[in-house]
Amino acid sequence: MSGEGKLKVVINKPACCGYGVCADICPDVYKLDENGIVYVDDEIVPDGMEDLAREGADACPQAAIKVVPA
């Protein structure tokens, strides 16, 4: 049961320019720190949030976020 079927978020923080599009689309997964840089509380995408997490990652102008199998 090691995350079978689960997705995880991988962030390239140096590539993040703080546009915040990801957090606008999926605030339950993507958070912004005090400098506007994306982070997640948990790299595993919560059940039911997979599509929004992918949409938020795909919308990143810098391609700083990937959603991959856990």
PDB file of N, CA and C in Angstrom:
ATOM      1  N   MET A   1       0.819  -1.199   0.000  1.00  0.00           N
ATOM      2  CA  MET A   1       0.000   0.000   0.000  1.00  0.00           C
ATOM      3  C   MET A   1       0.860   1.259   0.000  1.00  0.00           C
ATOM      4  N   SER A   2       2.058   1.183  -0.490  1.00  0.00           N
ATOM      5  CA  SER A   2       3.005   2.296  -0.480  1.00  0.00           C
ATOM      6  C   SER A   2       2.664   3.348  -1.528  1.00  0.00           C
ATOM      7  N   GLY A   3       1.574   4.062  -1.315  1.00  0.00           N
ATOM      8  CA  GLY A   3       1.189   5.138  -2.208  1.00  0.00           C
ATOM      9  C   GLY A   3       0.702   4.671  -3.564  1.00  0.00           C
ATOM     10  N   GLU A   4       0.236   3.426  -3.649  1.00  0.00           N
ATOM     11  CA  GLU A   4      -0.212   2.866  -4.921  1.00  0.00           C
ATOM     12  C   GLU A   4      -1.333   3.720  -5.510  1.00  0.00           C
ATOM     13  N   GLY A   5      -1.131   4.186  -6.744  1.00  0.00           N
ATOM     14  CA  GLY A   5      -2.116   5.023  -7.401  1.00  0.00           C
ATOM     15  C   GLY A   5      -2.080   6.477  -6.979  1.00  0.00           C
ATOM     16  N   LYS A   6      -1.236   6.800  -6.051  1.00  0.00           N
ATOM     17  CA  LYS A   6      -1.135   8.174  -5.550  1.00  0.00           C
ATOM     18  C   LYS A   6      -0.225   8.995  -6.451  1.00  0.00           C
ATOM     19  N   LEU A   7      -0.385  10.293  -6.352  1.00  0.00           N
ATOM     20  CA  LEU A   7       0.471  11.232  -7.066  1.00  0.00           C
ATOM     21  C   LEU A   7       1.221  12.086  -6.065  1.00  0.00           C
ATOM     22  N   LYS A   8       2.389  12.563  -6.484  1.00  0.00           N
ATOM     23  CA  LYS A   8       3.126  13.487  -5.625  1.00  0.00           C
ATOM     24  C   LYS A   8       3.549  14.704  -6.430  1.00  0.00           C
ATOM     25  N   VAL A   9       3.760  15.779  -5.716  1.00  0.00           N
ATOM     26  CA  VAL A   9       4.163  17.047  -6.308  1.00  0.00           C
ATOM     27  C   VAL A   9       5.674  17.193  -6.160  1.00  0.00           C
ATOM     28  N   VAL A  10       6.326  17.548  -7.268  1.00  0.00           N
ATOM     29  CA  VAL A  10       7.758  17.833  -7.252  1.00  0.00           C
ATOM     30  C   VAL A  10       7.920  19.285  -7.689  1.00  0.00           C
ATOM     31  N   ILE A  11       8.568  20.082  -6.835  1.00  0.00           N
ATOM     32  CA  ILE A  11       8.725  21.514  -7.096  1.00  0.00           C
ATOM     33  C   ILE A  11      10.191  21.842  -7.338  1.00  0.00           C
ATOM     34  N   ASN A  12      10.447  22.597  -8.399  1.00  0.00           N
ATOM     35  CA  ASN A  12      11.766  23.145  -8.675  1.00  0.00           C
ATOM     36  C   ASN A  12      11.733  24.590  -8.166  1.00  0.00           C
ATOM     37  N   LYS A  13      12.027  24.767  -6.871  1.00  0.00           N
ATOM     38  CA  LYS A  13      11.891  26.094  -6.252  1.00  0.00           C
ATOM     39  C   LYS A  13      12.710  27.177  -6.943  1.00  0.00           C
ATOM     40  N   PRO A  14      13.948  26.897  -7.374  1.00  0.00           N
ATOM     41  CA  PRO A  14      14.696  27.961  -8.057  1.00  0.00           C
ATOM     42  C   PRO A  14      14.022  28.457  -9.345  1.00  0.00           C
ATOM     43  N   ALA A  15      13.198  27.625  -9.957  1.00  0.00           N
ATOM     44  CA  ALA A  15      12.508  28.028 -11.184  1.00  0.00           C
ATOM     45  C   ALA A  15      11.248  28.848 -10.907  1.00  0.00           C
ATOM     46  N   CYS A  16      10.727  28.783  -9.685  1.00  0.00           N
ATOM     47  CA  CYS A  16       9.485  29.482  -9.342  1.00  0.00           C
ATOM     48  C   CYS A  16       9.729  30.986  -9.289  1.00  0.00           C
ATOM     49  N   CYS A  17       8.906  31.718 -10.030  1.00  0.00           N
ATOM     50  CA  CYS A  17       8.997  33.179 -10.054  1.00  0.00           C
ATOM     51  C   CYS A  17       7.870  33.850  -9.270  1.00  0.00           C
ATOM     52  N   GLY A  18       7.033  33.046  -8.626  1.00  0.00           N
ATOM     53  CA  GLY A  18       6.005  33.600  -7.759  1.00  0.00           C
ATOM     54  C   GLY A  18       4.779  34.134  -8.452  1.00  0.00           C
ATOM     55  N   TYR A  19       4.448  33.622  -9.618  1.00  0.00           N
ATOM     56  CA  TYR A  19       3.234  34.068 -10.299  1.00  0.00           C
ATOM     57  C   TYR A  19       1.982  33.701  -9.514  1.00  0.00           C
ATOM     58  N   GLY A  20       1.999  32.559  -8.824  1.00  0.00           N
ATOM     59  CA  GLY A  20       0.887  32.159  -7.975  1.00  0.00           C
ATOM     60  C   GLY A  20      -0.283  31.530  -8.706  1.00  0.00           C
ATOM     61  N   VAL A  21      -0.128  31.249  -9.990  1.00  0.00           N
ATOM     62  CA  VAL A  21      -1.212  30.648 -10.761  1.00  0.00           C
ATOM     63  C   VAL A  21      -1.591  29.293 -10.177  1.00  0.00           C
ATOM     64  N   CYS A  22      -0.606  28.517  -9.769  1.00  0.00           N
ATOM     65  CA  CYS A  22      -0.865  27.194  -9.199  1.00  0.00           C
ATOM     66  C   CYS A  22      -1.765  27.288  -7.972  1.00  0.00           C
ATOM     67  N   ALA A  23      -1.453  28.236  -7.091  1.00  0.00           N
ATOM     68  CA  ALA A  23      -2.231  28.411  -5.863  1.00  0.00           C
ATOM     69  C   ALA A  23      -3.617  28.969  -6.152  1.00  0.00           C
ATOM     70  N   ASP A  24      -3.747  29.770  -7.206  1.00  0.00           N
ATOM     71  CA  ASP A  24      -5.072  30.269  -7.600  1.00  0.00           C
ATOM     72  C   ASP A  24      -5.956  29.115  -8.054  1.00  0.00           C
ATOM     73  N   ILE A  25      -5.363  28.176  -8.793  1.00  0.00           N
ATOM     74  CA  ILE A  25      -6.121  27.044  -9.334  1.00  0.00           C
ATOM     75  C   ILE A  25      -6.389  25.979  -8.283  1.00  0.00           C
ATOM     76  N   CYS A  26      -5.397  25.696  -7.455  1.00  0.00           N
ATOM     77  CA  CYS A  26      -5.515  24.585  -6.489  1.00  0.00           C
ATOM     78  C   CYS A  26      -4.924  24.971  -5.133  1.00  0.00           C
ATOM     79  N   PRO A  27      -5.604  25.867  -4.403  1.00  0.00           N
ATOM     80  CA  PRO A  27      -5.070  26.332  -3.118  1.00  0.00           C
ATOM     81  C   PRO A  27      -5.005  25.263  -2.032  1.00  0.00           C
ATOM     82  N   ASP A  28      -5.720  24.157  -2.225  1.00  0.00           N
ATOM     83  CA  ASP A  28      -5.651  23.084  -1.234  1.00  0.00           C
ATOM     84  C   ASP A  28      -4.336  22.317  -1.319  1.00  0.00           C
ATOM     85  N   VAL A  29      -3.652  22.407  -2.437  1.00  0.00           N
ATOM     86  CA  VAL A  29      -2.373  21.715  -2.613  1.00  0.00           C
ATOM     87  C   VAL A  29      -1.219  22.707  -2.604  1.00  0.00           C
ATOM     88  N   TYR A  30      -1.313  23.758  -3.404  1.00  0.00           N
ATOM     89  CA  TYR A  30      -0.209  24.705  -3.576  1.00  0.00           C
ATOM     90  C   TYR A  30      -0.372  25.908  -2.665  1.00  0.00           C
ATOM     91  N   LYS A  31       0.670  26.189  -1.915  1.00  0.00           N
ATOM     92  CA  LYS A  31       0.719  27.338  -1.014  1.00  0.00           C
ATOM     93  C   LYS A  31       1.852  28.245  -1.472  1.00  0.00           C
ATOM     94  N   LEU A  32       1.793  29.504  -1.063  1.00  0.00           N
ATOM     95  CA  LEU A  32       2.861  30.445  -1.367  1.00  0.00           C
ATOM     96  C   LEU A  32       3.479  30.941  -0.075  1.00  0.00           C
ATOM     97  N   ASP A  33       4.817  30.972  -0.020  1.00  0.00           N
ATOM     98  CA  ASP A  33       5.489  31.472   1.174  1.00  0.00           C
ATOM     99  C   ASP A  33       5.485  33.004   1.161  1.00  0.00           C
ATOM    100  N   GLU A  34       6.138  33.607   2.138  1.00  0.00           N
ATOM    101  CA  GLU A  34       6.128  35.069   2.280  1.00  0.00           C
ATOM    102  C   GLU A  34       6.758  35.778   1.083  1.00  0.00           C
ATOM    103  N   ASN A  35       7.549  35.046   0.288  1.00  0.00           N
ATOM    104  CA  ASN A  35       8.159  35.613  -0.915  1.00  0.00           C
ATOM    105  C   ASN A  35       7.383  35.255  -2.187  1.00  0.00           C
ATOM    106  N   GLY A  36       6.269  34.559  -2.033  1.00  0.00           N
ATOM    107  CA  GLY A  36       5.459  34.176  -3.171  1.00  0.00           C
ATOM    108  C   GLY A  36       5.923  32.912  -3.874  1.00  0.00           C
ATOM    109  N   ILE A  37       6.845  32.182  -3.242  1.00  0.00           N
ATOM    110  CA  ILE A  37       7.370  30.950  -3.833  1.00  0.00           C
ATOM    111  C   ILE A  37       6.500  29.778  -3.394  1.00  0.00           C
ATOM    112  N   VAL A  38       6.202  28.901  -4.344  1.00  0.00           N
ATOM    113  CA  VAL A  38       5.301  27.778  -4.088  1.00  0.00           C
ATOM    114  C   VAL A  38       5.938  26.747  -3.155  1.00  0.00           C
ATOM    115  N   TYR A  39       5.084  26.159  -2.318  1.00  0.00           N
ATOM    116  CA  TYR A  39       5.454  25.005  -1.499  1.00  0.00           C
ATOM    117  C   TYR A  39       4.199  24.184  -1.268  1.00  0.00           C
ATOM    118  N   VAL A  40       4.365  22.983  -0.759  1.00  0.00           N
ATOM    119  CA  VAL A  40       3.233  22.133  -0.397  1.00  0.00           C
ATOM    120  C   VAL A  40       3.418  21.671   1.034  1.00  0.00           C
ATOM    121  N   ASP A  41       2.313  21.502   1.740  1.00  0.00           N
ATOM    122  CA  ASP A  41       2.380  20.972   3.104  1.00  0.00           C
ATOM    123  C   ASP A  41       2.738  19.492   3.078  1.00  0.00           C
ATOM    124  N   ASP A  42       2.278  18.793   2.042  1.00  0.00           N
ATOM    125  CA  ASP A  42       2.519  17.360   1.893  1.00  0.00           C
ATOM    126  C   ASP A  42       2.707  17.108   0.405  1.00  0.00           C
ATOM    127  N   GLU A  43       3.777  16.425   0.046  1.00  0.00           N
ATOM    128  CA  GLU A  43       4.033  16.201  -1.386  1.00  0.00           C
ATOM    129  C   GLU A  43       3.037  15.241  -2.029  1.00  0.00           C
ATOM    130  N   ILE A  44       2.335  14.457  -1.215  1.00  0.00           N
ATOM    131  CA  ILE A  44       1.326  13.538  -1.751  1.00  0.00           C
ATOM    132  C   ILE A  44       0.019  14.298  -1.994  1.00  0.00           C
ATOM    133  N   VAL A  45      -0.490  14.194  -3.208  1.00  0.00           N
ATOM    134  CA  VAL A  45      -1.730  14.884  -3.582  1.00  0.00           C
ATOM    135  C   VAL A  45      -2.901  14.182  -2.891  1.00  0.00           C
ATOM    136  N   PRO A  46      -3.743  14.948  -2.179  1.00  0.00           N
ATOM    137  CA  PRO A  46      -4.908  14.343  -1.516  1.00  0.00           C
ATOM    138  C   PRO A  46      -5.861  13.694  -2.522  1.00  0.00           C
ATOM    139  N   ASP A  47      -6.513  12.642  -2.093  1.00  0.00           N
ATOM    140  CA  ASP A  47      -7.511  11.974  -2.927  1.00  0.00           C
ATOM    141  C   ASP A  47      -8.547  12.986  -3.390  1.00  0.00           C
ATOM    142  N   GLY A  48      -8.890  12.905  -4.656  1.00  0.00           N
ATOM    143  CA  GLY A  48      -9.891  13.789  -5.218  1.00  0.00           C
ATOM    144  C   GLY A  48      -9.344  15.105  -5.741  1.00  0.00           C
ATOM    145  N   MET A  49      -8.075  15.398  -5.486  1.00  0.00           N
ATOM    146  CA  MET A  49      -7.468  16.659  -5.911  1.00  0.00           C
ATOM    147  C   MET A  49      -6.520  16.481  -7.095  1.00  0.00           C
ATOM    148  N   GLU A  50      -6.477  15.274  -7.644  1.00  0.00           N
ATOM    149  CA  GLU A  50      -5.503  14.956  -8.689  1.00  0.00           C
ATOM    150  C   GLU A  50      -5.630  15.864  -9.918  1.00  0.00           C
ATOM    151  N   ASP A  51      -6.851  16.033 -10.407  1.00  0.00           N
ATOM    152  CA  ASP A  51      -7.046  16.838 -11.620  1.00  0.00           C
ATOM    153  C   ASP A  51      -6.666  18.298 -11.389  1.00  0.00           C
ATOM    154  N   LEU A  52      -7.083  18.865 -10.263  1.00  0.00           N
ATOM    155  CA  LEU A  52      -6.735  20.258  -9.966  1.00  0.00           C
ATOM    156  C   LEU A  52      -5.242  20.419  -9.730  1.00  0.00           C
ATOM    157  N   ALA A  53      -4.618  19.447  -9.089  1.00  0.00           N
ATOM    158  CA  ALA A  53      -3.170  19.513  -8.859  1.00  0.00           C
ATOM    159  C   ALA A  53      -2.429  19.509 -10.197  1.00  0.00           C
ATOM    160  N   ARG A  54      -2.865  18.643 -11.116  1.00  0.00           N
ATOM    161  CA  ARG A  54      -2.251  18.609 -12.456  1.00  0.00           C
ATOM    162  C   ARG A  54      -2.490  19.925 -13.194  1.00  0.00           C
ATOM    163  N   GLU A  55      -3.718  20.441 -13.101  1.00  0.00           N
ATOM    164  CA  GLU A  55      -4.043  21.701 -13.778  1.00  0.00           C
ATOM    165  C   GLU A  55      -3.176  22.843 -13.249  1.00  0.00           C
ATOM    166  N   GLY A  56      -3.015  22.902 -11.930  1.00  0.00           N
ATOM    167  CA  GLY A  56      -2.172  23.931 -11.332  1.00  0.00           C
ATOM    168  C   GLY A  56      -0.723  23.820 -11.780  1.00  0.00           C
ATOM    169  N   ALA A  57      -0.218  22.598 -11.833  1.00  0.00           N
ATOM    170  CA  ALA A  57       1.160  22.381 -12.282  1.00  0.00           C
ATOM    171  C   ALA A  57       1.313  22.758 -13.756  1.00  0.00           C
ATOM    172  N   ASP A  58       0.361  22.336 -14.567  1.00  0.00           N
ATOM    173  CA  ASP A  58       0.423  22.622 -16.008  1.00  0.00           C
ATOM    174  C   ASP A  58       0.328  24.117 -16.301  1.00  0.00           C
ATOM    175  N   ALA A  59      -0.325  24.874 -15.430  1.00  0.00           N
ATOM    176  CA  ALA A  59      -0.511  26.310 -15.645  1.00  0.00           C
ATOM    177  C   ALA A  59       0.710  27.139 -15.247  1.00  0.00           C
ATOM    178  N   CYS A  60       1.689  26.532 -14.603  1.00  0.00           N
ATOM    179  CA  CYS A  60       2.879  27.273 -14.160  1.00  0.00           C
ATOM    180  C   CYS A  60       3.652  27.803 -15.371  1.00  0.00           C
ATOM    181  N   PRO A  61       3.806  29.126 -15.477  1.00  0.00           N
ATOM    182  CA  PRO A  61       4.517  29.696 -16.621  1.00  0.00           C
ATOM    183  C   PRO A  61       5.993  29.278 -16.685  1.00  0.00           C
ATOM    184  N   GLN A  62       6.553  28.908 -15.559  1.00  0.00           N
ATOM    185  CA  GLN A  62       7.966  28.530 -15.493  1.00  0.00           C
ATOM    186  C   GLN A  62       8.180  27.011 -15.522  1.00  0.00           C
ATOM    187  N   ALA A  63       7.091  26.250 -15.581  1.00  0.00           N
ATOM    188  CA  ALA A  63       7.169  24.781 -15.530  1.00  0.00           C
ATOM    189  C   ALA A  63       7.957  24.320 -14.309  1.00  0.00           C
ATOM    190  N   ALA A  64       7.709  24.967 -13.169  1.00  0.00           N
ATOM    191  CA  ALA A  64       8.435  24.686 -11.930  1.00  0.00           C
ATOM    192  C   ALA A  64       7.808  23.549 -11.127  1.00  0.00           C
ATOM    193  N   ILE A  65       6.651  23.064 -11.551  1.00  0.00           N
ATOM    194  CA  ILE A  65       5.926  22.042 -10.802  1.00  0.00           C
ATOM    195  C   ILE A  65       5.630  20.846 -11.695  1.00  0.00           C
ATOM    196  N   LYS A  66       5.856  19.682 -11.151  1.00  0.00           N
ATOM    197  CA  LYS A  66       5.497  18.430 -11.837  1.00  0.00           C
ATOM    198  C   LYS A  66       4.629  17.623 -10.890  1.00  0.00           C
ATOM    199  N   VAL A  67       3.652  16.914 -11.434  1.00  0.00           N
ATOM    200  CA  VAL A  67       2.850  15.968 -10.674  1.00  0.00           C
ATOM    201  C   VAL A  67       3.165  14.599 -11.270  1.00  0.00           C
ATOM    202  N   VAL A  68       3.711  13.728 -10.430  1.00  0.00           N
ATOM    203  CA  VAL A  68       4.214  12.433 -10.885  1.00  0.00           C
ATOM    204  C   VAL A  68       3.658  11.315 -10.007  1.00  0.00           C
ATOM    205  N   PRO A  69       3.723  10.071 -10.486  1.00  0.00           N
ATOM    206  CA  PRO A  69       3.310   8.951  -9.628  1.00  0.00           C
ATOM    207  C   PRO A  69       4.160   8.907  -8.356  1.00  0.00           C
ATOM    208  N   ALA A  70       3.507   8.633  -7.244  1.00  0.00           N
ATOM    209  CA  ALA A  70       4.219   8.567  -5.952  1.00  0.00           C
ATOM    210  C   ALA A  70       4.964   7.254  -5.823  1.00  0.00           C
TER     211      ALA A  70
END
